[in-house]
C-alpha atoms as a PDB file:
ATOM      1  CA  UNK A   1      37.122 -91.595  45.991  1.00  0.00           C
ATOM      2  CA  UNK A   2      39.238 -93.417  43.661  1.00  0.00           C
ATOM      3  CA  UNK A   3      38.367 -94.669  40.610  1.00  0.00           C
ATOM      4  CA  UNK A   4      38.232 -98.661  40.167  1.00  0.00           C
ATOM      5  CA  UNK A   5      39.582 -99.698  36.859  1.00  0.00           C
ATOM      6  CA  UNK A   6      42.467-102.807  36.507  1.00  0.00           C
ATOM      7  CA  UNK A   7      40.502-105.883  35.245  1.00  0.00           C
ATOM      8  CA  UNK A   8      43.457-108.326  36.472  1.00  0.00           C
ATOM      9  CA  UNK A   9      44.961-108.797  39.807  1.00  0.00           C
ATOM     10  CA  UNK A  10      48.521-107.089  40.302  1.00  0.00           C
ATOM     11  CA  UNK A  11      51.686-109.103  41.025  1.00  0.00           C
ATOM     12  CA  UNK A  12      52.471-108.277  45.027  1.00  0.00           C
ATOM     13  CA  UNK A  13      55.049-105.768  45.634  1.00  0.00           C
ATOM     14  CA  UNK A  14      58.112-106.370  47.434  1.00  0.00           C
ATOM     15  CA  UNK A  15      57.415-106.385  51.197  1.00  0.00           C
ATOM     16  CA  UNK A  16      58.302-102.959  52.899  1.00  0.00           C
ATOM     17  CA  UNK A  17      59.846-101.943  56.050  1.00  0.00           C
ATOM     18  CA  UNK A  18      56.116-100.298  57.067  1.00  0.00           C
ATOM     19  CA  UNK A  19      53.297-101.682  55.574  1.00  0.00           C
ATOM     20  CA  UNK A  20      50.432 -99.441  54.617  1.00  0.00           C
ATOM     21  CA  UNK A  21      47.157 -99.612  56.786  1.00  0.00           C
ATOM     22  CA  UNK A  22      44.403 -99.742  55.268  1.00  0.00           C
ATOM     23  CA  UNK A  23      41.043 -99.161  57.415  1.00  0.00           C
ATOM     24  CA  UNK A  24      37.871-100.996  57.045  1.00  0.00           C
ATOM     25  CA  UNK A  25      34.733-100.261  58.363  1.00  0.00           C
ATOM     26  CA  UNK A  26      30.969-100.390  57.982  1.00  0.00           C
ATOM     27  CA  UNK A  27      27.841-100.117  59.790  1.00  0.00           C
ATOM     28  CA  UNK A  28      25.524-103.144  61.226  1.00  0.00           C
ATOM     29  CA  UNK A  29      24.807-105.676  59.159  1.00  0.00           C
ATOM     30  CA  UNK A  30      26.818-104.183  55.935  1.00  0.00           C
ATOM     31  CA  UNK A  31      29.141-107.452  55.922  1.00  0.00           C
ATOM     32  CA  UNK A  32      32.598-106.033  56.689  1.00  0.00           C
ATOM     33  CA  UNK A  33      33.504-108.910  58.680  1.00  0.00           C
ATOM     34  CA  UNK A  34      32.830-111.053  55.658  1.00  0.00           C
ATOM     35  CA  UNK A  35      35.102-109.152  53.450  1.00  0.00           C
ATOM     36  CA  UNK A  36      37.848-108.972  56.061  1.00  0.00           C
ATOM     37  CA  UNK A  37      37.715-112.714  56.055  1.00  0.00           C
ATOM     38  CA  UNK A  38      37.825-112.611  52.077  1.00  0.00           C
ATOM     39  CA  UNK A  39      40.835-110.174  52.452  1.00  0.00           C
ATOM     40  CA  UNK A  40      42.028-112.941  54.776  1.00  0.00           C
ATOM     41  CA  UNK A  41      41.721-115.188  52.060  1.00  0.00           C
ATOM     42  CA  UNK A  42      43.763-113.146  49.351  1.00  0.00           C
ATOM     43  CA  UNK A  43      46.843-113.733  52.073  1.00  0.00           C
ATOM     44  CA  UNK A  44      46.645-109.876  53.884  1.00  0.00           C
ATOM     45  CA  UNK A  45      46.826-109.678  57.729  1.00  0.00           C
ATOM     46  CA  UNK A  46      43.629-108.357  59.172  1.00  0.00           C
ATOM     47  CA  UNK A  47      43.199-106.638  62.552  1.00  0.00           C
ATOM     48  CA  UNK A  48      39.937-107.048  64.067  1.00  0.00           C
ATOM     49  CA  UNK A  49      39.682-103.951  66.404  1.00  0.00           C
ATOM     50  CA  UNK A  50      36.408-104.692  67.659  1.00  0.00           C
ATOM     51  CA  UNK A  51      37.493-108.532  68.462  1.00  0.00           C
ATOM     52  CA  UNK A  52      40.759-107.397  69.908  1.00  0.00           C
ATOM     53  CA  UNK A  53      38.976-104.963  72.175  1.00  0.00           C
ATOM     54  CA  UNK A  54      36.827-107.498  73.828  1.00  0.00           C
ATOM     55  CA  UNK A  55      40.001-109.588  74.915  1.00  0.00           C
ATOM     56  CA  UNK A  56      42.128-106.214  76.024  1.00  0.00           C
ATOM     57  CA  UNK A  57      39.303-105.188  78.435  1.00  0.00           C
ATOM     58  CA  UNK A  58      39.723-108.128  80.139  1.00  0.00           C
ATOM     59  CA  UNK A  59      43.237-108.853  80.240  1.00  0.00           C
ATOM     60  CA  UNK A  60      44.451-105.609  81.128  1.00  0.00           C
ATOM     61  CA  UNK A  61      43.844-104.462  84.865  1.00  0.00           C
ATOM     62  CA  UNK A  62      44.517-100.767  84.810  1.00  0.00           C
ATOM     63  CA  UNK A  63      41.709-100.960  82.478  1.00  0.00           C
ATOM     64  CA  UNK A  64      39.327-102.705  84.517  1.00  0.00           C
ATOM     65  CA  UNK A  65      40.080-100.201  87.601  1.00  0.00           C
ATOM     66  CA  UNK A  66      39.657 -97.152  85.410  1.00  0.00           C
ATOM     67  CA  UNK A  67      35.871 -98.807  83.798  1.00  0.00           C
ATOM     68  CA  UNK A  68      34.883 -99.562  87.170  1.00  0.00           C
ATOM     69  CA  UNK A  69      36.052 -96.324  87.878  1.00  0.00           C
ATOM     70  CA  UNK A  70      33.816 -94.871  84.932  1.00  0.00           C
ATOM     71  CA  UNK A  71      30.626 -97.034  85.189  1.00  0.00           C
ATOM     72  CA  UNK A  72      30.684 -98.954  88.422  1.00  0.00           C
ATOM     73  CA  UNK A  73      31.611-102.284  89.682  1.00  0.00           C
ATOM     74  CA  UNK A  74      28.899-104.351  87.752  1.00  0.00           C
ATOM     75  CA  UNK A  75      31.276-103.555  85.125  1.00  0.00           C
ATOM     76  CA  UNK A  76      32.431-106.661  85.351  1.00  0.00           C
ATOM     77  CA  UNK A  77      30.797-109.795  86.705  1.00  0.00           C
ATOM     78  CA  UNK A  78      31.898-111.825  90.180  1.00  0.00           C
ATOM     79  CA  UNK A  79      34.440-113.720  87.818  1.00  0.00           C
ATOM     80  CA  UNK A  80      36.354-110.382  87.159  1.00  0.00           C
ATOM     81  CA  UNK A  81      35.017-110.771  83.235  1.00  0.00           C
ATOM     82  CA  UNK A  82      33.571-107.539  81.558  1.00  0.00           C
ATOM     83  CA  UNK A  83      30.284-107.632  81.732  1.00  0.00           C
ATOM     84  CA  UNK A  84      28.983-106.664  78.028  1.00  0.00           C
ATOM     85  CA  UNK A  85      25.575-106.391  78.741  1.00  0.00           C
ATOM     86  CA  UNK A  86      25.717-103.826  81.256  1.00  0.00           C
ATOM     87  CA  UNK A  87      28.222-101.639  79.858  1.00  0.00           C
ATOM     88  CA  UNK A  88      25.692-101.530  76.415  1.00  0.00           C
ATOM     89  CA  UNK A  89      22.843-100.362  78.496  1.00  0.00           C
ATOM     90  CA  UNK A  90      24.782 -97.837  80.518  1.00  0.00           C
ATOM     91  CA  UNK A  91      26.368 -96.162  77.345  1.00  0.00           C
ATOM     92  CA  UNK A  92      23.186 -96.819  74.836  1.00  0.00           C
ATOM     93  CA  UNK A  93      21.919 -93.588  75.791  1.00  0.00           C
ATOM     94  CA  UNK A  94      24.477 -91.898  76.939  1.00  0.00           C
ATOM     95  CA  UNK A  95      26.448 -90.396  74.496  1.00  0.00           C
ATOM     96  CA  UNK A  96      29.396 -88.556  76.952  1.00  0.00           C
ATOM     97  CA  UNK A  97      29.565 -91.762  79.013  1.00  0.00           C
ATOM     98  CA  UNK A  98      30.380 -94.017  75.741  1.00  0.00           C
ATOM     99  CA  UNK A  99      32.850 -91.271  74.948  1.00  0.00           C
ATOM    100  CA  UNK A 100      34.497 -91.453  78.074  1.00  0.00           C
ATOM    101  CA  UNK A 101      34.883 -95.757  77.859  1.00  0.00           C
ATOM    102  CA  UNK A 102      36.009 -94.872  73.903  1.00  0.00           C
ATOM    103  CA  UNK A 103      38.785 -92.774  75.322  1.00  0.00           C
ATOM    104  CA  UNK A 104      39.756 -95.432  77.966  1.00  0.00           C
ATOM    105  CA  UNK A 105      39.249 -98.162  75.741  1.00  0.00           C
ATOM    106  CA  UNK A 106      40.555 -96.553  72.297  1.00  0.00           C
ATOM    107  CA  UNK A 107      44.427 -95.908  73.388  1.00  0.00           C
ATOM    108  CA  UNK A 108      44.979 -99.587  75.016  1.00  0.00           C
ATOM    109  CA  UNK A 109      43.972-101.075  71.389  1.00  0.00           C
ATOM    110  CA  UNK A 110      46.093 -98.267  69.590  1.00  0.00           C
ATOM    111  CA  UNK A 111      48.870 -99.576  71.342  1.00  0.00           C
ATOM    112  CA  UNK A 112      48.446-103.287  70.546  1.00  0.00           C
ATOM    113  CA  UNK A 113      47.730-102.756  67.091  1.00  0.00           C
ATOM    114  CA  UNK A 114      50.743-100.449  66.881  1.00  0.00           C
ATOM    115  CA  UNK A 115      52.466-103.941  68.357  1.00  0.00           C
ATOM    116  CA  UNK A 116      50.722-106.172  65.803  1.00  0.00           C
ATOM    117  CA  UNK A 117      51.958-104.099  62.887  1.00  0.00           C
ATOM    118  CA  UNK A 118      55.328-104.689  64.096  1.00  0.00           C
ATOM    119  CA  UNK A 119      55.263-108.276  63.781  1.00  0.00           C
ATOM    120  CA  UNK A 120      53.936-108.010  59.629  1.00  0.00           C
ATOM    121  CA  UNK A 121      55.533-109.108  56.852  1.00  0.00           C
ATOM    122  CA  UNK A 122      53.268-107.711  53.897  1.00  0.00           C
ATOM    123  CA  UNK A 123      52.864-104.672  52.417  1.00  0.00           C
ATOM    124  CA  UNK A 124      49.360-104.112  53.305  1.00  0.00           C
ATOM    125  CA  UNK A 125      47.996-104.517  57.037  1.00  0.00           C
ATOM    126  CA  UNK A 126      44.245-104.064  57.231  1.00  0.00           C
ATOM    127  CA  UNK A 127      42.538-102.494  60.746  1.00  0.00           C
ATOM    128  CA  UNK A 128      39.272-103.710  60.652  1.00  0.00           C
ATOM    129  CA  UNK A 129      37.114-101.308  63.343  1.00  0.00           C
ATOM    130  CA  UNK A 130      33.505-100.237  63.041  1.00  0.00           C
ATOM    131  CA  UNK A 131      34.580 -96.823  64.746  1.00  0.00           C
ATOM    132  CA  UNK A 132      36.838 -95.448  61.739  1.00  0.00           C
ATOM    133  CA  UNK A 133      35.273 -92.168  61.213  1.00  0.00           C
ATOM    134  CA  UNK A 134      34.013 -91.888  64.424  1.00  0.00           C
ATOM    135  CA  UNK A 135      37.191 -91.786  66.390  1.00  0.00           C
ATOM    136  CA  UNK A 136      38.502 -90.378  63.015  1.00  0.00           C
ATOM    137  CA  UNK A 137      41.251 -93.543  62.967  1.00  0.00           C
ATOM    138  CA  UNK A 138      40.728 -92.696  59.050  1.00  0.00           C
ATOM    139  CA  UNK A 139      43.614 -90.288  59.574  1.00  0.00           C
ATOM    140  CA  UNK A 140      46.145 -92.623  60.836  1.00  0.00           C
ATOM    141  CA  UNK A 141      45.534 -95.190  57.307  1.00  0.00           C
ATOM    142  CA  UNK A 142      46.990 -95.353  54.205  1.00  0.00           C
ATOM    143  CA  UNK A 143      43.529 -95.905  52.723  1.00  0.00           C
ATOM    144  CA  UNK A 144      40.351 -96.237  53.999  1.00  0.00           C
ATOM    145  CA  UNK A 145      37.692 -98.711  52.505  1.00  0.00           C
ATOM    146  CA  UNK A 146      33.539 -98.563  53.577  1.00  0.00           C
ATOM    147  CA  UNK A 147      31.444-101.732  53.319  1.00  0.00           C
ATOM    148  CA  UNK A 148      27.740-100.667  52.763  1.00  0.00           C
ATOM    149  CA  UNK A 149      24.308-101.731  51.833  1.00  0.00           C
ATOM    150  CA  UNK A 150      21.056-100.552  51.437  1.00  0.00           C
ATOM    151  CA  UNK A 151      19.212 -99.850  54.934  1.00  0.00           C
ATOM    152  CA  UNK A 152      16.411-102.301  54.343  1.00  0.00           C
ATOM    153  CA  UNK A 153      19.479-104.982  53.560  1.00  0.00           C
ATOM    154  CA  UNK A 154      21.376-104.531  56.537  1.00  0.00           C
ATOM    155  CA  UNK A 155      18.279-104.393  58.987  1.00  0.00           C
ATOM    156  CA  UNK A 156      17.038-107.696  57.555  1.00  0.00           C
ATOM    157  CA  UNK A 157      20.433-109.532  57.547  1.00  0.00           C
ATOM    158  CA  UNK A 158      20.527-108.284  61.274  1.00  0.00           C
ATOM    159  CA  UNK A 159      17.157-109.097  62.101  1.00  0.00           C
ATOM    160  CA  UNK A 160      17.706-112.943  60.692  1.00  0.00           C
ATOM    161  CA  UNK A 161      21.493-113.253  62.147  1.00  0.00           C
ATOM    162  CA  UNK A 162      20.619-111.963  65.655  1.00  0.00           C
ATOM    163  CA  UNK A 163      16.848-112.383  66.115  1.00  0.00           C
ATOM    164  CA  UNK A 164      16.311-108.765  66.782  1.00  0.00           C
ATOM    165  CA  UNK A 165      12.737-106.974  66.194  1.00  0.00           C
ATOM    166  CA  UNK A 166      12.585-104.404  63.610  1.00  0.00           C
ATOM    167  CA  UNK A 167      13.011-101.443  65.847  1.00  0.00           C
ATOM    168  CA  UNK A 168      15.784-102.847  67.984  1.00  0.00           C
ATOM    169  CA  UNK A 169      17.630-102.950  64.859  1.00  0.00           C
ATOM    170  CA  UNK A 170      16.882 -99.386  63.850  1.00  0.00           C
ATOM    171  CA  UNK A 171      17.853 -98.044  67.251  1.00  0.00           C
ATOM    172  CA  UNK A 172      20.958 -99.259  66.688  1.00  0.00           C
ATOM    173  CA  UNK A 173      21.249 -98.119  63.317  1.00  0.00           C
ATOM    174  CA  UNK A 174      20.177 -94.785  64.189  1.00  0.00           C
ATOM    175  CA  UNK A 175      23.400 -94.378  67.043  1.00  0.00           C
ATOM    176  CA  UNK A 176      25.603 -94.817  63.926  1.00  0.00           C
ATOM    177  CA  UNK A 177      26.950 -92.569  61.656  1.00  0.00           C
ATOM    178  CA  UNK A 178      24.725 -92.167  58.689  1.00  0.00           C
ATOM    179  CA  UNK A 179      25.704 -93.870  55.735  1.00  0.00           C
ATOM    180  CA  UNK A 180      25.902 -90.973  53.739  1.00  0.00           C
ATOM    181  CA  UNK A 181      28.600 -89.236  55.920  1.00  0.00           C
ATOM    182  CA  UNK A 182      31.043 -92.664  55.642  1.00  0.00           C
ATOM    183  CA  UNK A 183      30.317 -92.385  52.212  1.00  0.00           C
ATOM    184  CA  UNK A 184      32.095 -88.756  51.682  1.00  0.00           C
ATOM    185  CA  UNK A 185      34.775 -89.785  53.912  1.00  0.00           C
ATOM    186  CA  UNK A 186      35.879 -93.181  52.642  1.00  0.00           C
ATOM    187  CA  UNK A 187      38.315 -93.403  49.779  1.00  0.00           C
ATOM    188  CA  UNK A 188      36.934 -96.896  48.494  1.00  0.00           C
ATOM    189  CA  UNK A 189      33.343 -97.766  49.132  1.00  0.00           C
ATOM    190  CA  UNK A 190      32.221-101.607  48.811  1.00  0.00           C
ATOM    191  CA  UNK A 191      28.203-101.869  48.056  1.00  0.00           C
ATOM    192  CA  UNK A 192      27.383-104.942  49.159  1.00  0.00           C
ATOM    193  CA  UNK A 193      23.855-105.423  47.957  1.00  0.00           C
ATOM    194  CA  UNK A 194      23.733-108.408  45.989  1.00  0.00           C
ATOM    195  CA  UNK A 195      25.521-112.156  46.797  1.00  0.00           C
ATOM    196  CA  UNK A 196      28.745-113.419  48.034  1.00  0.00           C
ATOM    197  CA  UNK A 197      29.821-113.702  44.904  1.00  0.00           C
ATOM    198  CA  UNK A 198      29.720-110.183  43.646  1.00  0.00           C
ATOM    199  CA  UNK A 199      31.249-109.387  47.033  1.00  0.00           C
ATOM    200  CA  UNK A 200      34.197-111.418  46.952  1.00  0.00           C
ATOM    201  CA  UNK A 201      35.294-109.923  43.299  1.00  0.00           C
ATOM    202  CA  UNK A 202      34.591-106.315  44.138  1.00  0.00           C
ATOM    203  CA  UNK A 203      36.650-106.608  47.074  1.00  0.00           C
ATOM    204  CA  UNK A 204      39.497-108.653  45.667  1.00  0.00           C
ATOM    205  CA  UNK A 205      39.480-105.694  42.669  1.00  0.00           C
ATOM    206  CA  UNK A 206      39.908-102.830  45.460  1.00  0.00           C
ATOM    207  CA  UNK A 207      42.494-104.556  47.355  1.00  0.00           C
ATOM    208  CA  UNK A 208      44.396-105.338  44.743  1.00  0.00           C
ATOM    209  CA  UNK A 209      44.247-101.935  42.985  1.00  0.00           C
ATOM    210  CA  UNK A 210      45.546-100.680  46.216  1.00  0.00           C
ATOM    211  CA  UNK A 211      49.293 -99.313  44.777  1.00  0.00           C
END
């Protein structure tokens, strides 16, 4: 993990022919999406992998066939729309099935991301994804940023935001890679335990310290 020490925002380098890819990740309730929005405010493009995946599974006919083959026709509703609730229920307690589903969806998202990168002009681009370390996507990144927070803080955020019970959030968190393991893998860590002002300040510092 690199030490962050600059006091002022650095001047933006000249755009390169191939931008540096920065992986951005964080567990549920960490504030990953908020950090991504701050990064966009700073003028850098962010690819939202999880959001794009939601579109791709509805747009790609080959994926539809393969997902139905894995999970059944109910994976899509009568209108041909991805049935997220059904799919989540099928894979939540079935690690093998989840891995097979990821192996179907991930290559399509990777291809979409590669096409997106080709259109960017900034020297840094950010790839926001919940599974950066789980799918070893950090190996394709110049640097990785982890957004994290104390478990009780993350728990409360999700309960307030989604109306879930303590046990429901706990079950989700237990399915995710432990924070201590992510911390070991991350190049930069944003601890989001206080307020939005502090979060924005440390995000800016980390982003503009990347060389």
